[in-house]
Amino acid sequence: MSDSNPKLVQELSSVIENLIGRLDFGTVELTFHQGQLVQLEKREKVRFEKPADPNR
């Protein structure tokens, strides 16, 4: 991205930081075609605590 617009790079950086900042469990995937970023995808997992076994 050496020939990229600095303003666009800053915007993308901000979007990525926001996606990561709100993510507890999951992934953020960046997709490139021919060296160009074409897609951002966020997959979030929701984890549930296993209740303690009262018999233990």
PDB file of N, CA and C in Angstrom:
ATOM      1  N   MET A   1       0.817  -1.195   0.000  1.00  0.00           N
ATOM      2  CA  MET A   1       0.000   0.000   0.000  1.00  0.00           C
ATOM      3  C   MET A   1       0.857   1.254   0.000  1.00  0.00           C
ATOM      4  N   SER A   2       2.051   1.149  -0.576  1.00  0.00           N
ATOM      5  CA  SER A   2       2.952   2.295  -0.549  1.00  0.00           C
ATOM      6  C   SER A   2       2.438   3.460  -1.384  1.00  0.00           C
ATOM      7  N   ASP A   3       1.607   3.180  -2.403  1.00  0.00           N
ATOM      8  CA  ASP A   3       1.070   4.257  -3.226  1.00  0.00           C
ATOM      9  C   ASP A   3      -0.337   4.666  -2.795  1.00  0.00           C
ATOM     10  N   SER A   4      -0.737   4.268  -1.599  1.00  0.00           N
ATOM     11  CA  SER A   4      -2.087   4.541  -1.111  1.00  0.00           C
ATOM     12  C   SER A   4      -2.233   5.972  -0.624  1.00  0.00           C
ATOM     13  N   ASN A   5      -3.452   6.412  -0.622  1.00  0.00           N
ATOM     14  CA  ASN A   5      -3.813   7.719  -0.101  1.00  0.00           C
ATOM     15  C   ASN A   5      -3.665   7.685   1.422  1.00  0.00           C
ATOM     16  N   PRO A   6      -2.862   8.578   2.015  1.00  0.00           N
ATOM     17  CA  PRO A   6      -2.675   8.563   3.476  1.00  0.00           C
ATOM     18  C   PRO A   6      -3.984   8.703   4.256  1.00  0.00           C
ATOM     19  N   LYS A   7      -4.929   9.485   3.735  1.00  0.00           N
ATOM     20  CA  LYS A   7      -6.215   9.644   4.421  1.00  0.00           C
ATOM     21  C   LYS A   7      -6.980   8.317   4.430  1.00  0.00           C
ATOM     22  N   LEU A   8      -6.945   7.589   3.314  1.00  0.00           N
ATOM     23  CA  LEU A   8      -7.611   6.295   3.222  1.00  0.00           C
ATOM     24  C   LEU A   8      -6.960   5.286   4.164  1.00  0.00           C
ATOM     25  N   VAL A   9      -5.647   5.300   4.224  1.00  0.00           N
ATOM     26  CA  VAL A   9      -4.930   4.398   5.131  1.00  0.00           C
ATOM     27  C   VAL A   9      -5.334   4.682   6.574  1.00  0.00           C
ATOM     28  N   GLN A  10      -5.445   5.952   6.941  1.00  0.00           N
ATOM     29  CA  GLN A  10      -5.858   6.326   8.297  1.00  0.00           C
ATOM     30  C   GLN A  10      -7.281   5.858   8.579  1.00  0.00           C
ATOM     31  N   GLU A  11      -8.176   6.018   7.606  1.00  0.00           N
ATOM     32  CA  GLU A  11      -9.563   5.565   7.782  1.00  0.00           C
ATOM     33  C   GLU A  11      -9.622   4.052   7.972  1.00  0.00           C
ATOM     34  N   LEU A  12      -8.899   3.310   7.144  1.00  0.00           N
ATOM     35  CA  LEU A  12      -8.881   1.851   7.265  1.00  0.00           C
ATOM     36  C   LEU A  12      -8.299   1.423   8.597  1.00  0.00           C
ATOM     37  N   SER A  13      -7.248   2.088   9.017  1.00  0.00           N
ATOM     38  CA  SER A  13      -6.637   1.788  10.310  1.00  0.00           C
ATOM     39  C   SER A  13      -7.639   1.997  11.436  1.00  0.00           C
ATOM     40  N   SER A  14      -8.390   3.070  11.355  1.00  0.00           N
ATOM     41  CA  SER A  14      -9.399   3.366  12.371  1.00  0.00           C
ATOM     42  C   SER A  14     -10.505   2.307  12.377  1.00  0.00           C
ATOM     43  N   VAL A  15     -10.959   1.893  11.196  1.00  0.00           N
ATOM     44  CA  VAL A  15     -11.998   0.859  11.102  1.00  0.00           C
ATOM     45  C   VAL A  15     -11.499  -0.447  11.706  1.00  0.00           C
ATOM     46  N   ILE A  16     -10.281  -0.831  11.379  1.00  0.00           N
ATOM     47  CA  ILE A  16      -9.710  -2.080  11.899  1.00  0.00           C
ATOM     48  C   ILE A  16      -9.556  -2.004  13.412  1.00  0.00           C
ATOM     49  N   GLU A  17      -9.066  -0.888  13.916  1.00  0.00           N
ATOM     50  CA  GLU A  17      -8.925  -0.722  15.370  1.00  0.00           C
ATOM     51  C   GLU A  17     -10.279  -0.830  16.067  1.00  0.00           C
ATOM     52  N   ASN A  18     -11.323  -0.255  15.479  1.00  0.00           N
ATOM     53  CA  ASN A  18     -12.663  -0.346  16.068  1.00  0.00           C
ATOM     54  C   ASN A  18     -13.173  -1.781  16.066  1.00  0.00           C
ATOM     55  N   LEU A  19     -12.937  -2.504  14.986  1.00  0.00           N
ATOM     56  CA  LEU A  19     -13.367  -3.905  14.925  1.00  0.00           C
ATOM     57  C   LEU A  19     -12.659  -4.744  15.978  1.00  0.00           C
ATOM     58  N   ILE A  20     -11.373  -4.548  16.113  1.00  0.00           N
ATOM     59  CA  ILE A  20     -10.584  -5.326  17.071  1.00  0.00           C
ATOM     60  C   ILE A  20     -10.922  -4.923  18.498  1.00  0.00           C
ATOM     61  N   GLY A  21     -11.129  -3.640  18.731  1.00  0.00           N
ATOM     62  CA  GLY A  21     -11.388  -3.150  20.079  1.00  0.00           C
ATOM     63  C   GLY A  21     -12.656  -3.692  20.703  1.00  0.00           C
ATOM     64  N   ARG A  22     -13.643  -4.024  19.884  1.00  0.00           N
ATOM     65  CA  ARG A  22     -14.914  -4.533  20.400  1.00  0.00           C
ATOM     66  C   ARG A  22     -15.000  -6.055  20.321  1.00  0.00           C
ATOM     67  N   LEU A  23     -13.916  -6.727  20.019  1.00  0.00           N
ATOM     68  CA  LEU A  23     -13.929  -8.166  19.786  1.00  0.00           C
ATOM     69  C   LEU A  23     -13.333  -8.895  20.979  1.00  0.00           C
ATOM     70  N   ASP A  24     -14.139  -9.747  21.627  1.00  0.00           N
ATOM     71  CA  ASP A  24     -13.629 -10.547  22.741  1.00  0.00           C
ATOM     72  C   ASP A  24     -13.052 -11.864  22.237  1.00  0.00           C
ATOM     73  N   PHE A  25     -13.802 -12.575  21.405  1.00  0.00           N
ATOM     74  CA  PHE A  25     -13.354 -13.835  20.820  1.00  0.00           C
ATOM     75  C   PHE A  25     -13.747 -13.822  19.351  1.00  0.00           C
ATOM     76  N   GLY A  26     -12.827 -14.098  18.467  1.00  0.00           N
ATOM     77  CA  GLY A  26     -13.159 -14.154  17.049  1.00  0.00           C
ATOM     78  C   GLY A  26     -11.994 -13.730  16.182  1.00  0.00           C
ATOM     79  N   THR A  27     -12.319 -13.379  14.937  1.00  0.00           N
ATOM     80  CA  THR A  27     -11.286 -13.020  13.975  1.00  0.00           C
ATOM     81  C   THR A  27     -11.701 -11.799  13.163  1.00  0.00           C
ATOM     82  N   VAL A  28     -10.694 -11.086  12.676  1.00  0.00           N
ATOM     83  CA  VAL A  28     -10.897 -10.039  11.685  1.00  0.00           C
ATOM     84  C   VAL A  28     -10.043 -10.446  10.494  1.00  0.00           C
ATOM     85  N   GLU A  29     -10.688 -10.586   9.339  1.00  0.00           N
ATOM     86  CA  GLU A  29     -10.011 -11.070   8.139  1.00  0.00           C
ATOM     87  C   GLU A  29      -9.964  -9.962   7.096  1.00  0.00           C
ATOM     88  N   LEU A  30      -8.787  -9.740   6.527  1.00  0.00           N
ATOM     89  CA  LEU A  30      -8.610  -8.767   5.456  1.00  0.00           C
ATOM     90  C   LEU A  30      -8.408  -9.541   4.167  1.00  0.00           C
ATOM     91  N   THR A  31      -9.172  -9.204   3.126  1.00  0.00           N
ATOM     92  CA  THR A  31      -9.073  -9.889   1.843  1.00  0.00           C
ATOM     93  C   THR A  31      -8.494  -8.928   0.815  1.00  0.00           C
ATOM     94  N   PHE A  32      -7.450  -9.388   0.136  1.00  0.00           N
ATOM     95  CA  PHE A  32      -6.781  -8.594  -0.891  1.00  0.00           C
ATOM     96  C   PHE A  32      -6.930  -9.275  -2.242  1.00  0.00           C
ATOM     97  N   HIS A  33      -7.167  -8.497  -3.284  1.00  0.00           N
ATOM     98  CA  HIS A  33      -7.161  -8.982  -4.660  1.00  0.00           C
ATOM     99  C   HIS A  33      -6.167  -8.124  -5.427  1.00  0.00           C
ATOM    100  N   GLN A  34      -5.165  -8.771  -6.004  1.00  0.00           N
ATOM    101  CA  GLN A  34      -4.132  -8.087  -6.778  1.00  0.00           C
ATOM    102  C   GLN A  34      -3.514  -6.936  -5.994  1.00  0.00           C
ATOM    103  N   GLY A  35      -3.245  -7.193  -4.721  1.00  0.00           N
ATOM    104  CA  GLY A  35      -2.575  -6.212  -3.883  1.00  0.00           C
ATOM    105  C   GLY A  35      -3.464  -5.112  -3.326  1.00  0.00           C
ATOM    106  N   GLN A  36      -4.751  -5.160  -3.604  1.00  0.00           N
ATOM    107  CA  GLN A  36      -5.671  -4.133  -3.122  1.00  0.00           C
ATOM    108  C   GLN A  36      -6.603  -4.731  -2.073  1.00  0.00           C
ATOM    109  N   LEU A  37      -6.787  -4.026  -0.987  1.00  0.00           N
ATOM    110  CA  LEU A  37      -7.730  -4.450   0.042  1.00  0.00           C
ATOM    111  C   LEU A  37      -9.144  -4.283  -0.509  1.00  0.00           C
ATOM    112  N   VAL A  38      -9.900  -5.389  -0.526  1.00  0.00           N
ATOM    113  CA  VAL A  38     -11.247  -5.329  -1.092  1.00  0.00           C
ATOM    114  C   VAL A  38     -12.334  -5.666  -0.080  1.00  0.00           C
ATOM    115  N   GLN A  39     -11.941  -6.240   1.068  1.00  0.00           N
ATOM    116  CA  GLN A  39     -12.976  -6.667   2.012  1.00  0.00           C
ATOM    117  C   GLN A  39     -12.410  -6.800   3.414  1.00  0.00           C
ATOM    118  N   LEU A  40     -13.197  -6.401   4.394  1.00  0.00           N
ATOM    119  CA  LEU A  40     -12.921  -6.653   5.808  1.00  0.00           C
ATOM    120  C   LEU A  40     -14.061  -7.509   6.325  1.00  0.00           C
ATOM    121  N   GLU A  41     -13.716  -8.546   7.077  1.00  0.00           N
ATOM    122  CA  GLU A  41     -14.748  -9.424   7.609  1.00  0.00           C
ATOM    123  C   GLU A  41     -14.466  -9.686   9.077  1.00  0.00           C
ATOM    124  N   LYS A  42     -15.491  -9.537   9.898  1.00  0.00           N
ATOM    125  CA  LYS A  42     -15.363  -9.793  11.333  1.00  0.00           C
ATOM    126  C   LYS A  42     -16.245 -10.969  11.693  1.00  0.00           C
ATOM    127  N   ARG A  43     -15.647 -11.949  12.367  1.00  0.00           N
ATOM    128  CA  ARG A  43     -16.412 -13.086  12.885  1.00  0.00           C
ATOM    129  C   ARG A  43     -16.243 -13.098  14.381  1.00  0.00           C
ATOM    130  N   GLU A  44     -17.344 -12.986  15.064  1.00  0.00           N
ATOM    131  CA  GLU A  44     -17.291 -12.941  16.528  1.00  0.00           C
ATOM    132  C   GLU A  44     -17.892 -14.210  17.104  1.00  0.00           C
ATOM    133  N   LYS A  45     -17.232 -14.735  18.104  1.00  0.00           N
ATOM    134  CA  LYS A  45     -17.714 -15.921  18.796  1.00  0.00           C
ATOM    135  C   LYS A  45     -18.236 -15.505  20.161  1.00  0.00           C
ATOM    136  N   VAL A  46     -19.317 -16.108  20.549  1.00  0.00           N
ATOM    137  CA  VAL A  46     -19.879 -15.869  21.875  1.00  0.00           C
ATOM    138  C   VAL A  46     -19.622 -17.125  22.683  1.00  0.00           C
ATOM    139  N   ARG A  47     -18.913 -16.978  23.782  1.00  0.00           N
ATOM    140  CA  ARG A  47     -18.574 -18.122  24.618  1.00  0.00           C
ATOM    141  C   ARG A  47     -19.417 -18.080  25.881  1.00  0.00           C
ATOM    142  N   PHE A  48     -19.869 -19.246  26.279  1.00  0.00           N
ATOM    143  CA  PHE A  48     -20.689 -19.375  27.476  1.00  0.00           C
ATOM    144  C   PHE A  48     -19.897 -20.120  28.535  1.00  0.00           C
ATOM    145  N   GLU A  49     -19.934 -19.597  29.738  1.00  0.00           N
ATOM    146  CA  GLU A  49     -19.253 -20.252  30.849  1.00  0.00           C
ATOM    147  C   GLU A  49     -19.993 -21.530  31.197  1.00  0.00           C
ATOM    148  N   LYS A  50     -19.229 -22.576  31.410  1.00  0.00           N
ATOM    149  CA  LYS A  50     -19.826 -23.835  31.829  1.00  0.00           C
ATOM    150  C   LYS A  50     -20.172 -23.710  33.310  1.00  0.00           C
ATOM    151  N   PRO A  51     -21.430 -23.983  33.690  1.00  0.00           N
ATOM    152  CA  PRO A  51     -21.794 -23.858  35.105  1.00  0.00           C
ATOM    153  C   PRO A  51     -21.014 -24.861  35.957  1.00  0.00           C
ATOM    154  N   ALA A  52     -20.686 -24.446  37.151  1.00  0.00           N
ATOM    155  CA  ALA A  52     -19.957 -25.325  38.071  1.00  0.00           C
ATOM    156  C   ALA A  52     -20.839 -26.506  38.441  1.00  0.00           C
ATOM    157  N   ASP A  53     -20.236 -27.685  38.497  1.00  0.00           N
ATOM    158  CA  ASP A  53     -20.961 -28.900  38.866  1.00  0.00           C
ATOM    159  C   ASP A  53     -21.155 -28.901  40.378  1.00  0.00           C
ATOM    160  N   PRO A  54     -22.397 -28.831  40.869  1.00  0.00           N
ATOM    161  CA  PRO A  54     -22.628 -28.772  42.322  1.00  0.00           C
ATOM    162  C   PRO A  54     -22.247 -30.068  43.033  1.00  0.00           C
ATOM    163  N   ASN A  55     -22.055 -31.158  42.291  1.00  0.00           N
ATOM    164  CA  ASN A  55     -21.700 -32.450  42.895  1.00  0.00           C
ATOM    165  C   ASN A  55     -20.202 -32.613  43.101  1.00  0.00           C
ATOM    166  N   ARG A  56     -19.428 -31.661  42.700  1.00  0.00           N
ATOM    167  CA  ARG A  56     -17.963 -31.779  42.838  1.00  0.00           C
ATOM    168  C   ARG A  56     -17.475 -31.098  44.065  1.00  0.00           C
TER     169      ARG A  56
END
